[in-house]
PDB file of N, CA and C in Angstrom:
ATOM      1  N   UNK A   1      -9.027 -10.996   0.491  1.00  0.00           N
ATOM      2  CA  UNK A   1      -8.620  -9.912   1.262  1.00  0.00           C
ATOM      3  C   UNK A   1      -8.258  -8.853   0.173  1.00  0.00           C
ATOM      4  N   UNK A   2      -8.288  -7.708   1.000  1.00  0.00           N
ATOM      5  CA  UNK A   2      -8.023  -6.353   0.184  1.00  0.00           C
ATOM      6  C   UNK A   2      -7.189  -5.507   1.049  1.00  0.00           C
ATOM      7  N   UNK A   3      -5.933  -4.854   0.753  1.00  0.00           N
ATOM      8  CA  UNK A   3      -5.195  -3.832   1.453  1.00  0.00           C
ATOM      9  C   UNK A   3      -4.830  -2.992   0.317  1.00  0.00           C
ATOM     10  N   UNK A   4      -4.844  -1.478   1.209  1.00  0.00           N
ATOM     11  CA  UNK A   4      -4.521  -0.169   0.467  1.00  0.00           C
ATOM     12  C   UNK A   4      -3.063   0.113   0.619  1.00  0.00           C
ATOM     13  N   UNK A   5      -2.055   0.277  -0.058  1.00  0.00           N
ATOM     14  CA  UNK A   5      -0.739   0.974   0.276  1.00  0.00           C
ATOM     15  C   UNK A   5      -0.709   2.721  -0.430  1.00  0.00           C
ATOM     16  N   UNK A   6      -0.469   3.343   0.183  1.00  0.00           N
ATOM     17  CA  UNK A   6       0.197   4.302  -0.052  1.00  0.00           C
ATOM     18  C   UNK A   6       1.548   4.905   0.073  1.00  0.00           C
ATOM     19  N   UNK A   7       2.182   4.947  -0.788  1.00  0.00           N
ATOM     20  CA  UNK A   7       3.883   5.119  -0.714  1.00  0.00           C
ATOM     21  C   UNK A   7       4.267   5.822  -1.866  1.00  0.00           C
ATOM     22  N   UNK A   8       5.505   6.449  -1.918  1.00  0.00           N
ATOM     23  CA  UNK A   8       6.258   7.168  -2.808  1.00  0.00           C
ATOM     24  C   UNK A   8       6.940   6.158  -3.880  1.00  0.00           C
ATOM     25  N   UNK A   9       6.826   6.195  -4.868  1.00  0.00           N
ATOM     26  CA  UNK A   9       7.728   5.094  -5.928  1.00  0.00           C
ATOM     27  C   UNK A   9       9.060   4.827  -5.138  1.00  0.00           C
ATOM     28  N   UNK A  10      10.039   5.799  -4.600  1.00  0.00           N
ATOM     29  CA  UNK A  10      11.049   5.309  -4.163  1.00  0.00           C
ATOM     30  C   UNK A  10      11.065   4.297  -2.987  1.00  0.00           C
ATOM     31  N   UNK A  11       9.865   4.235  -2.661  1.00  0.00           N
ATOM     32  CA  UNK A  11       9.331   3.380  -1.307  1.00  0.00           C
ATOM     33  C   UNK A  11       9.426   1.633  -1.954  1.00  0.00           C
ATOM     34  N   UNK A  12       9.231   1.664  -3.396  1.00  0.00           N
ATOM     35  CA  UNK A  12       8.942   0.182  -4.035  1.00  0.00           C
ATOM     36  C   UNK A  12      10.300  -0.531  -4.251  1.00  0.00           C
ATOM     37  N   UNK A  13      10.473  -1.359  -3.616  1.00  0.00           N
ATOM     38  CA  UNK A  13      11.600  -2.314  -3.339  1.00  0.00           C
ATOM     39  C   UNK A  13      11.198  -3.775  -3.379  1.00  0.00           C
ATOM     40  N   UNK A  14      12.416  -4.338  -2.850  1.00  0.00           N
ATOM     41  CA  UNK A  14      12.245  -5.769  -2.815  1.00  0.00           C
ATOM     42  C   UNK A  14      11.285  -6.268  -1.746  1.00  0.00           C
ATOM     43  N   UNK A  15      11.432  -5.619  -0.335  1.00  0.00           N
ATOM     44  CA  UNK A  15      10.680  -5.909   0.383  1.00  0.00           C
ATOM     45  C   UNK A  15       9.111  -5.502   0.362  1.00  0.00           C
ATOM     46  N   UNK A  16       8.958  -4.795  -0.393  1.00  0.00           N
ATOM     47  CA  UNK A  16       7.429  -4.651  -0.630  1.00  0.00           C
ATOM     48  C   UNK A  16       6.918  -5.649  -1.346  1.00  0.00           C
ATOM     49  N   UNK A  17       7.991  -5.830  -2.568  1.00  0.00           N
ATOM     50  CA  UNK A  17       7.240  -7.233  -3.104  1.00  0.00           C
ATOM     51  C   UNK A  17       7.453  -8.302  -2.473  1.00  0.00           C
ATOM     52  N   UNK A  18       8.421  -8.950  -1.610  1.00  0.00           N
ATOM     53  CA  UNK A  18       8.432  -9.815  -0.822  1.00  0.00           C
ATOM     54  C   UNK A  18       7.007  -9.935   0.090  1.00  0.00           C
ATOM     55  N   UNK A  19       6.616  -8.728   0.649  1.00  0.00           N
ATOM     56  CA  UNK A  19       5.400  -8.528   1.582  1.00  0.00           C
ATOM     57  C   UNK A  19       4.138  -8.980   0.982  1.00  0.00           C
ATOM     58  N   UNK A  20       4.129  -8.854  -0.312  1.00  0.00           N
ATOM     59  CA  UNK A  20       2.752  -8.716  -1.043  1.00  0.00           C
ATOM     60  C   UNK A  20       2.896 -10.746  -1.445  1.00  0.00           C
ATOM     61  N   UNK A  21       4.039 -10.953  -1.478  1.00  0.00           N
ATOM     62  CA  UNK A  21       4.160 -12.416  -1.911  1.00  0.00           C
ATOM     63  C   UNK A  21       3.942 -13.091  -0.819  1.00  0.00           C
ATOM     64  N   UNK A  22       3.844 -12.686   0.597  1.00  0.00           N
ATOM     65  CA  UNK A  22       3.521 -13.511   1.583  1.00  0.00           C
ATOM     66  C   UNK A  22       2.343 -13.264   1.808  1.00  0.00           C
ATOM     67  N   UNK A  23       1.830 -12.076   1.927  1.00  0.00           N
ATOM     68  CA  UNK A  23       0.311 -11.910   2.305  1.00  0.00           C
ATOM     69  C   UNK A  23      -0.681 -12.596   1.384  1.00  0.00           C
ATOM     70  N   UNK A  24      -0.141 -12.641  -0.089  1.00  0.00           N
ATOM     71  CA  UNK A  24      -1.354 -13.357  -0.954  1.00  0.00           C
ATOM     72  C   UNK A  24      -0.657 -14.575  -1.580  1.00  0.00           C
ATOM     73  N   UNK A  25       0.039 -15.421  -0.945  1.00  0.00           N
ATOM     74  CA  UNK A  25       0.693 -16.236  -1.111  1.00  0.00           C
ATOM     75  C   UNK A  25      -0.689 -17.505  -1.948  1.00  0.00           C
ATOM     76  N   UNK A  26      -0.266 -18.130  -2.793  1.00  0.00           N
ATOM     77  CA  UNK A  26      -1.334 -19.007  -3.523  1.00  0.00           C
ATOM     78  C   UNK A  26      -2.608 -18.443  -3.879  1.00  0.00           C
ATOM     79  N   UNK A  27      -2.491 -17.152  -4.192  1.00  0.00           N
ATOM     80  CA  UNK A  27      -3.988 -16.414  -4.664  1.00  0.00           C
ATOM     81  C   UNK A  27      -3.477 -15.595  -5.958  1.00  0.00           C
ATOM     82  N   UNK A  28      -4.172 -15.355  -6.679  1.00  0.00           N
ATOM     83  CA  UNK A  28      -4.184 -14.398  -7.932  1.00  0.00           C
ATOM     84  C   UNK A  28      -4.587 -12.951  -7.354  1.00  0.00           C
ATOM     85  N   UNK A  29      -3.635 -11.897  -7.976  1.00  0.00           N
ATOM     86  CA  UNK A  29      -3.961 -10.842  -7.390  1.00  0.00           C
ATOM     87  C   UNK A  29      -3.874  -9.964  -8.600  1.00  0.00           C
ATOM     88  N   UNK A  30      -4.542  -8.452  -8.168  1.00  0.00           N
ATOM     89  CA  UNK A  30      -5.071  -7.574  -9.291  1.00  0.00           C
ATOM     90  C   UNK A  30      -3.950  -6.428  -8.487  1.00  0.00           C
ATOM     91  N   UNK A  31      -3.230  -5.678  -9.599  1.00  0.00           N
ATOM     92  CA  UNK A  31      -2.545  -4.467  -8.973  1.00  0.00           C
ATOM     93  C   UNK A  31      -3.060  -3.306  -9.845  1.00  0.00           C
ATOM     94  N   UNK A  32      -3.289  -2.168  -9.337  1.00  0.00           N
ATOM     95  CA  UNK A  32      -3.578  -1.120  -9.436  1.00  0.00           C
ATOM     96  C   UNK A  32      -2.810   0.379  -9.043  1.00  0.00           C
ATOM     97  N   UNK A  33      -2.357   0.823 -10.152  1.00  0.00           N
ATOM     98  CA  UNK A  33      -1.578   1.924  -9.421  1.00  0.00           C
ATOM     99  C   UNK A  33      -2.358   3.513 -10.021  1.00  0.00           C
ATOM    100  N   UNK A  34      -2.390   4.424  -9.573  1.00  0.00           N
ATOM    101  CA  UNK A  34      -2.925   5.723  -9.113  1.00  0.00           C
ATOM    102  C   UNK A  34      -2.263   6.700  -8.812  1.00  0.00           C
ATOM    103  N   UNK A  35      -2.152   7.890  -9.508  1.00  0.00           N
ATOM    104  CA  UNK A  35      -1.612   9.097  -8.748  1.00  0.00           C
ATOM    105  C   UNK A  35      -2.768   9.639  -7.597  1.00  0.00           C
ATOM    106  N   UNK A  36      -2.061   9.965  -6.427  1.00  0.00           N
ATOM    107  CA  UNK A  36      -2.890  10.723  -5.455  1.00  0.00           C
ATOM    108  C   UNK A  36      -3.039  12.483  -5.528  1.00  0.00           C
ATOM    109  N   UNK A  37      -4.019  13.024  -5.616  1.00  0.00           N
ATOM    110  CA  UNK A  37      -3.902  14.368  -5.737  1.00  0.00           C
ATOM    111  C   UNK A  37      -3.769  14.906  -4.409  1.00  0.00           C
ATOM    112  N   UNK A  38      -3.338  15.836  -4.035  1.00  0.00           N
ATOM    113  CA  UNK A  38      -3.640  16.477  -2.475  1.00  0.00           C
ATOM    114  C   UNK A  38      -4.751  16.597  -2.030  1.00  0.00           C
ATOM    115  N   UNK A  39      -6.087  16.512  -2.773  1.00  0.00           N
ATOM    116  CA  UNK A  39      -7.451  16.689  -2.352  1.00  0.00           C
ATOM    117  C   UNK A  39      -7.826  15.272  -1.896  1.00  0.00           C
ATOM    118  N   UNK A  40      -7.073  14.240  -2.909  1.00  0.00           N
ATOM    119  CA  UNK A  40      -7.541  12.846  -2.268  1.00  0.00           C
ATOM    120  C   UNK A  40      -6.865  12.728  -0.985  1.00  0.00           C
ATOM    121  N   UNK A  41      -5.818  13.100  -0.739  1.00  0.00           N
ATOM    122  CA  UNK A  41      -4.907  12.662   0.417  1.00  0.00           C
ATOM    123  C   UNK A  41      -5.888  12.954   1.400  1.00  0.00           C
ATOM    124  N   UNK A  42      -6.300  14.228   1.393  1.00  0.00           N
ATOM    125  CA  UNK A  42      -7.119  15.093   2.440  1.00  0.00           C
ATOM    126  C   UNK A  42      -8.351  14.058   2.710  1.00  0.00           C
ATOM    127  N   UNK A  43      -9.114  13.779   1.776  1.00  0.00           N
ATOM    128  CA  UNK A  43     -10.439  12.984   1.879  1.00  0.00           C
ATOM    129  C   UNK A  43      -9.944  11.638   2.315  1.00  0.00           C
ATOM    130  N   UNK A  44      -9.215  10.981   2.196  1.00  0.00           N
ATOM    131  CA  UNK A  44      -8.667   9.857   2.471  1.00  0.00           C
ATOM    132  C   UNK A  44      -8.172   9.467   3.835  1.00  0.00           C
ATOM    133  N   UNK A  45      -7.517  10.781   4.440  1.00  0.00           N
ATOM    134  CA  UNK A  45      -7.299  10.939   5.917  1.00  0.00           C
ATOM    135  C   UNK A  45      -8.322  11.221   6.791  1.00  0.00           C
ATOM    136  N   UNK A  46      -9.419  11.929   6.300  1.00  0.00           N
ATOM    137  CA  UNK A  46     -10.384  11.759   7.576  1.00  0.00           C
ATOM    138  C   UNK A  46     -11.619  10.494   7.548  1.00  0.00           C
ATOM    139  N   UNK A  47     -11.414   9.616   6.386  1.00  0.00           N
ATOM    140  CA  UNK A  47     -11.978   8.411   6.315  1.00  0.00           C
ATOM    141  C   UNK A  47     -11.304   7.041   6.904  1.00  0.00           C
ATOM    142  N   UNK A  48     -10.189   7.074   6.822  1.00  0.00           N
ATOM    143  CA  UNK A  48      -9.249   5.695   6.947  1.00  0.00           C
ATOM    144  C   UNK A  48      -8.075   6.247   7.873  1.00  0.00           C
ATOM    145  N   UNK A  49      -7.855   4.769   8.933  1.00  0.00           N
ATOM    146  CA  UNK A  49      -6.657   4.954   9.771  1.00  0.00           C
ATOM    147  C   UNK A  49      -5.625   4.903   9.048  1.00  0.00           C
ATOM    148  N   UNK A  50      -4.431   5.565   9.871  1.00  0.00           N
ATOM    149  CA  UNK A  50      -2.935   5.691   8.972  1.00  0.00           C
ATOM    150  C   UNK A  50      -2.328   4.206   9.695  1.00  0.00           C
ATOM    151  N   UNK A  51      -1.693   3.812   8.650  1.00  0.00           N
ATOM    152  CA  UNK A  51      -1.022   2.501   8.957  1.00  0.00           C
ATOM    153  C   UNK A  51       0.596   2.696   8.673  1.00  0.00           C
ATOM    154  N   UNK A  52       1.524   2.072   9.237  1.00  0.00           N
ATOM    155  CA  UNK A  52       2.958   2.305   8.790  1.00  0.00           C
ATOM    156  C   UNK A  52       3.135   1.543   7.493  1.00  0.00           C
ATOM    157  N   UNK A  53       4.133   2.103   6.696  1.00  0.00           N
ATOM    158  CA  UNK A  53       4.365   1.527   5.278  1.00  0.00           C
ATOM    159  C   UNK A  53       5.012  -0.399   5.868  1.00  0.00           C
ATOM    160  N   UNK A  54       4.712  -1.032   4.631  1.00  0.00           N
ATOM    161  CA  UNK A  54       5.194  -2.404   4.886  1.00  0.00           C
ATOM    162  C   UNK A  54       6.351  -2.637   5.457  1.00  0.00           C
ATOM    163  N   UNK A  55       7.476  -1.814   5.002  1.00  0.00           N
ATOM    164  CA  UNK A  55       8.696  -2.258   5.329  1.00  0.00           C
ATOM    165  C   UNK A  55       9.154  -1.695   7.141  1.00  0.00           C
ATOM    166  N   UNK A  56       8.230  -1.250   7.566  1.00  0.00           N
ATOM    167  CA  UNK A  56       8.427  -0.718   9.202  1.00  0.00           C
ATOM    168  C   UNK A  56       8.004  -1.626  10.022  1.00  0.00           C
ATOM    169  N   UNK A  57       8.599  -1.842  11.242  1.00  0.00           N
ATOM    170  CA  UNK A  57       8.151  -2.675  12.042  1.00  0.00           C
ATOM    171  C   UNK A  57       7.394  -1.738  13.066  1.00  0.00           C
ATOM    172  N   UNK A  58       6.239  -2.160  13.888  1.00  0.00           N
ATOM    173  CA  UNK A  58       5.662  -1.245  14.830  1.00  0.00           C
ATOM    174  C   UNK A  58       5.964  -1.763  16.265  1.00  0.00           C
TER     175      UNK A  58
END
């Protein structure tokens, strides 16, 4: 399983960590962090659907 989260540093909280723990329970995970430039944001919006942050309910 692979998932991509785009969020602001202020949104990194205990709820985010708990969500990761639930999604990947019993598995080893690799976490990579990179800065997203405005150009990357534009390119990603064209190719990927938009999802709400993990801490919002839909």
